[in-house]
N, C-alpha and C. Protein backbone atom coordinates (compact mmCIF):
# COMPACT_ATOMS: atom_id res chain seq x y z
N MET A 1 24.55 6.07 5.90
CA MET A 1 23.77 4.91 6.33
C MET A 1 24.36 3.68 5.66
N THR A 2 24.50 2.62 6.42
CA THR A 2 25.04 1.38 5.87
C THR A 2 23.90 0.43 5.54
N ALA A 3 24.16 -0.46 4.62
CA ALA A 3 23.14 -1.42 4.21
C ALA A 3 22.69 -2.25 5.39
N GLY A 4 21.38 -2.42 5.51
CA GLY A 4 20.83 -3.26 6.57
C GLY A 4 20.62 -2.54 7.88
N HIS A 5 20.93 -1.23 7.96
CA HIS A 5 20.75 -0.47 9.18
C HIS A 5 19.77 0.67 8.93
N ALA A 6 18.87 0.85 9.88
CA ALA A 6 17.90 1.94 9.78
C ALA A 6 18.60 3.26 10.06
N PRO A 7 18.11 4.35 9.46
CA PRO A 7 18.70 5.65 9.74
C PRO A 7 18.54 6.00 11.21
N SER A 8 19.42 6.84 11.69
CA SER A 8 19.37 7.28 13.08
C SER A 8 17.99 7.88 13.37
N GLY A 9 17.39 7.49 14.47
CA GLY A 9 16.09 8.01 14.86
C GLY A 9 14.91 7.26 14.26
N ALA A 10 15.15 6.32 13.34
CA ALA A 10 14.05 5.56 12.74
C ALA A 10 13.49 4.60 13.77
N ARG A 11 12.19 4.40 13.71
CA ARG A 11 11.57 3.45 14.64
C ARG A 11 11.10 2.22 13.88
N SER A 12 10.98 1.16 14.59
CA SER A 12 10.53 -0.08 13.97
C SER A 12 9.05 0.05 13.61
N VAL A 13 8.69 -0.35 12.42
CA VAL A 13 7.31 -0.28 11.97
C VAL A 13 6.85 -1.70 11.67
N ARG A 14 5.72 -2.07 12.24
CA ARG A 14 5.20 -3.41 12.09
C ARG A 14 4.59 -3.62 10.71
N VAL A 15 4.92 -4.75 10.11
CA VAL A 15 4.33 -5.14 8.83
C VAL A 15 3.08 -5.96 9.13
N VAL A 16 1.99 -5.61 8.45
CA VAL A 16 0.71 -6.26 8.67
C VAL A 16 0.26 -6.90 7.37
N LYS A 17 -0.19 -8.15 7.45
CA LYS A 17 -0.69 -8.87 6.28
C LYS A 17 -2.21 -8.81 6.27
N HIS A 18 -2.77 -8.37 5.15
CA HIS A 18 -4.22 -8.33 4.96
C HIS A 18 -4.59 -9.28 3.83
N SER A 19 -5.70 -9.96 3.99
CA SER A 19 -6.23 -10.81 2.94
C SER A 19 -7.31 -10.01 2.22
N ILE A 20 -7.18 -9.90 0.90
CA ILE A 20 -8.10 -9.10 0.10
C ILE A 20 -8.52 -9.89 -1.13
N VAL A 21 -9.76 -9.70 -1.54
CA VAL A 21 -10.26 -10.35 -2.76
C VAL A 21 -10.13 -9.35 -3.91
N ILE A 22 -9.40 -9.76 -4.95
CA ILE A 22 -9.20 -8.94 -6.15
C ILE A 22 -9.65 -9.76 -7.35
N ALA A 23 -10.61 -9.24 -8.08
CA ALA A 23 -11.14 -9.91 -9.27
C ALA A 23 -11.54 -11.35 -8.94
N GLY A 24 -12.17 -11.54 -7.80
CA GLY A 24 -12.67 -12.85 -7.41
C GLY A 24 -11.64 -13.79 -6.84
N HIS A 25 -10.40 -13.34 -6.69
CA HIS A 25 -9.33 -14.18 -6.14
C HIS A 25 -8.82 -13.58 -4.84
N ARG A 26 -8.68 -14.43 -3.83
CA ARG A 26 -8.16 -13.99 -2.54
C ARG A 26 -6.64 -13.95 -2.61
N THR A 27 -6.08 -12.84 -2.13
CA THR A 27 -4.63 -12.70 -2.08
C THR A 27 -4.25 -12.03 -0.77
N SER A 28 -3.04 -12.21 -0.35
CA SER A 28 -2.54 -11.56 0.86
C SER A 28 -1.54 -10.49 0.48
N VAL A 29 -1.63 -9.37 1.14
CA VAL A 29 -0.73 -8.25 0.89
C VAL A 29 -0.12 -7.83 2.22
N SER A 30 1.20 -7.73 2.25
CA SER A 30 1.91 -7.31 3.45
C SER A 30 2.43 -5.89 3.26
N LEU A 31 2.01 -5.00 4.16
CA LEU A 31 2.45 -3.61 4.14
C LEU A 31 2.66 -3.12 5.57
N GLU A 32 3.46 -2.11 5.72
CA GLU A 32 3.65 -1.49 7.01
C GLU A 32 2.36 -0.77 7.42
N GLU A 33 2.11 -0.70 8.73
CA GLU A 33 0.87 -0.10 9.24
C GLU A 33 0.59 1.29 8.67
N PRO A 34 1.59 2.18 8.58
CA PRO A 34 1.28 3.51 8.04
C PRO A 34 0.73 3.48 6.61
N PHE A 35 1.17 2.52 5.81
CA PHE A 35 0.64 2.41 4.45
C PHE A 35 -0.81 1.92 4.47
N TRP A 36 -1.14 0.99 5.36
CA TRP A 36 -2.54 0.54 5.46
C TRP A 36 -3.42 1.70 5.90
N ARG A 37 -2.96 2.48 6.88
CA ARG A 37 -3.75 3.64 7.33
C ARG A 37 -3.97 4.62 6.18
N ALA A 38 -2.91 4.90 5.43
CA ALA A 38 -3.03 5.83 4.31
C ALA A 38 -3.98 5.30 3.24
N LEU A 39 -3.89 4.02 2.93
CA LEU A 39 -4.79 3.43 1.93
C LEU A 39 -6.24 3.52 2.37
N LYS A 40 -6.51 3.27 3.66
CA LYS A 40 -7.88 3.37 4.18
C LYS A 40 -8.38 4.81 4.08
N GLU A 41 -7.52 5.78 4.36
CA GLU A 41 -7.90 7.19 4.25
C GLU A 41 -8.18 7.57 2.80
N ILE A 42 -7.34 7.11 1.89
CA ILE A 42 -7.54 7.40 0.46
C ILE A 42 -8.84 6.78 -0.02
N ALA A 43 -9.10 5.54 0.39
CA ALA A 43 -10.35 4.87 -0.01
C ALA A 43 -11.56 5.66 0.48
N ALA A 44 -11.49 6.16 1.72
CA ALA A 44 -12.60 6.94 2.26
C ALA A 44 -12.79 8.23 1.47
N VAL A 45 -11.70 8.93 1.15
CA VAL A 45 -11.77 10.16 0.37
C VAL A 45 -12.35 9.89 -1.01
N ASP A 46 -11.94 8.77 -1.62
CA ASP A 46 -12.41 8.42 -2.96
C ASP A 46 -13.80 7.79 -2.95
N GLY A 47 -14.32 7.47 -1.77
CA GLY A 47 -15.65 6.88 -1.67
C GLY A 47 -15.73 5.44 -2.15
N VAL A 48 -14.63 4.70 -1.97
CA VAL A 48 -14.60 3.29 -2.37
C VAL A 48 -14.13 2.44 -1.20
N SER A 49 -14.35 1.15 -1.31
CA SER A 49 -13.86 0.24 -0.28
C SER A 49 -12.35 0.07 -0.43
N LEU A 50 -11.71 -0.40 0.62
CA LEU A 50 -10.28 -0.69 0.56
C LEU A 50 -10.00 -1.72 -0.53
N ALA A 51 -10.84 -2.75 -0.61
CA ALA A 51 -10.66 -3.79 -1.63
C ALA A 51 -10.76 -3.21 -3.04
N ALA A 52 -11.70 -2.29 -3.25
CA ALA A 52 -11.85 -1.67 -4.57
C ALA A 52 -10.64 -0.81 -4.91
N LEU A 53 -10.11 -0.11 -3.92
CA LEU A 53 -8.92 0.71 -4.16
C LEU A 53 -7.72 -0.16 -4.50
N VAL A 54 -7.53 -1.24 -3.76
CA VAL A 54 -6.42 -2.15 -4.03
C VAL A 54 -6.58 -2.77 -5.41
N ALA A 55 -7.80 -3.12 -5.78
CA ALA A 55 -8.06 -3.70 -7.11
C ALA A 55 -7.70 -2.70 -8.20
N ARG A 56 -8.00 -1.43 -7.97
CA ARG A 56 -7.67 -0.37 -8.94
C ARG A 56 -6.16 -0.25 -9.13
N VAL A 57 -5.43 -0.26 -8.02
CA VAL A 57 -3.97 -0.21 -8.10
C VAL A 57 -3.45 -1.47 -8.77
N ASP A 58 -4.01 -2.62 -8.42
CA ASP A 58 -3.58 -3.89 -9.01
C ASP A 58 -3.76 -3.87 -10.53
N ALA A 59 -4.86 -3.32 -11.00
CA ALA A 59 -5.15 -3.31 -12.43
C ALA A 59 -4.15 -2.47 -13.22
N GLY A 60 -3.54 -1.48 -12.56
CA GLY A 60 -2.63 -0.61 -13.27
C GLY A 60 -1.16 -0.79 -12.93
N ARG A 61 -0.84 -1.87 -12.24
CA ARG A 61 0.54 -2.01 -11.74
C ARG A 61 1.51 -2.64 -12.72
N GLY A 62 1.06 -3.21 -13.79
CA GLY A 62 1.97 -3.85 -14.75
C GLY A 62 2.69 -5.01 -14.10
N GLU A 63 4.01 -5.03 -14.21
CA GLU A 63 4.82 -6.13 -13.69
C GLU A 63 5.25 -5.92 -12.23
N ALA A 64 4.92 -4.78 -11.66
CA ALA A 64 5.36 -4.46 -10.29
C ALA A 64 4.70 -5.39 -9.27
N ASN A 65 5.41 -5.64 -8.21
CA ASN A 65 4.88 -6.37 -7.06
C ASN A 65 3.73 -5.54 -6.48
N LEU A 66 2.63 -6.18 -6.05
CA LEU A 66 1.46 -5.45 -5.57
C LEU A 66 1.79 -4.61 -4.34
N SER A 67 2.53 -5.15 -3.39
CA SER A 67 2.89 -4.37 -2.20
C SER A 67 3.67 -3.12 -2.60
N SER A 68 4.62 -3.28 -3.50
CA SER A 68 5.41 -2.14 -3.96
C SER A 68 4.54 -1.13 -4.69
N ALA A 69 3.64 -1.61 -5.53
CA ALA A 69 2.75 -0.73 -6.28
C ALA A 69 1.86 0.07 -5.32
N LEU A 70 1.41 -0.56 -4.25
CA LEU A 70 0.58 0.14 -3.26
C LEU A 70 1.38 1.21 -2.53
N ARG A 71 2.62 0.91 -2.19
CA ARG A 71 3.47 1.92 -1.53
C ARG A 71 3.69 3.12 -2.45
N VAL A 72 4.00 2.87 -3.71
CA VAL A 72 4.22 3.95 -4.67
C VAL A 72 2.93 4.75 -4.85
N PHE A 73 1.80 4.08 -4.93
CA PHE A 73 0.51 4.75 -5.05
C PHE A 73 0.29 5.72 -3.89
N VAL A 74 0.53 5.25 -2.67
CA VAL A 74 0.35 6.11 -1.50
C VAL A 74 1.29 7.31 -1.56
N LEU A 75 2.53 7.08 -1.92
CA LEU A 75 3.49 8.19 -2.02
C LEU A 75 3.09 9.19 -3.10
N GLU A 76 2.61 8.69 -4.24
CA GLU A 76 2.18 9.59 -5.31
C GLU A 76 0.98 10.41 -4.87
N ARG A 77 0.03 9.80 -4.17
CA ARG A 77 -1.14 10.54 -3.70
C ARG A 77 -0.73 11.58 -2.65
N ALA A 78 0.21 11.22 -1.80
CA ALA A 78 0.66 12.14 -0.76
C ALA A 78 1.36 13.36 -1.36
N SER A 79 2.02 13.16 -2.50
CA SER A 79 2.75 14.26 -3.13
C SER A 79 1.90 14.98 -4.18
N GLY A 80 0.66 14.54 -4.35
CA GLY A 80 -0.24 15.19 -5.29
C GLY A 80 -0.01 14.82 -6.74
N GLN A 81 0.72 13.72 -6.99
CA GLN A 81 1.00 13.32 -8.37
C GLN A 81 -0.18 12.67 -9.06
N LYS A 82 -1.10 12.10 -8.32
CA LYS A 82 -2.26 11.44 -8.95
C LYS A 82 -3.54 11.88 -8.31
């Protein structure tokens, strides 16, 4: 695979921006649709709102970008790491 090219058979995935309130501050987070779907499913399983789940990830992300931290969180949950 060359830089800037999607792997063979990959499909285009739309990035969606959501506005969320975290610790009383409104912020926008851009993620691909499959990550938003996964986050909503995780929130439902955990019995929390999407905003509460994002706030939880935000609180533990350290210096990481919030969008990146959310993607890693979803991957870790999918693999059973957390």
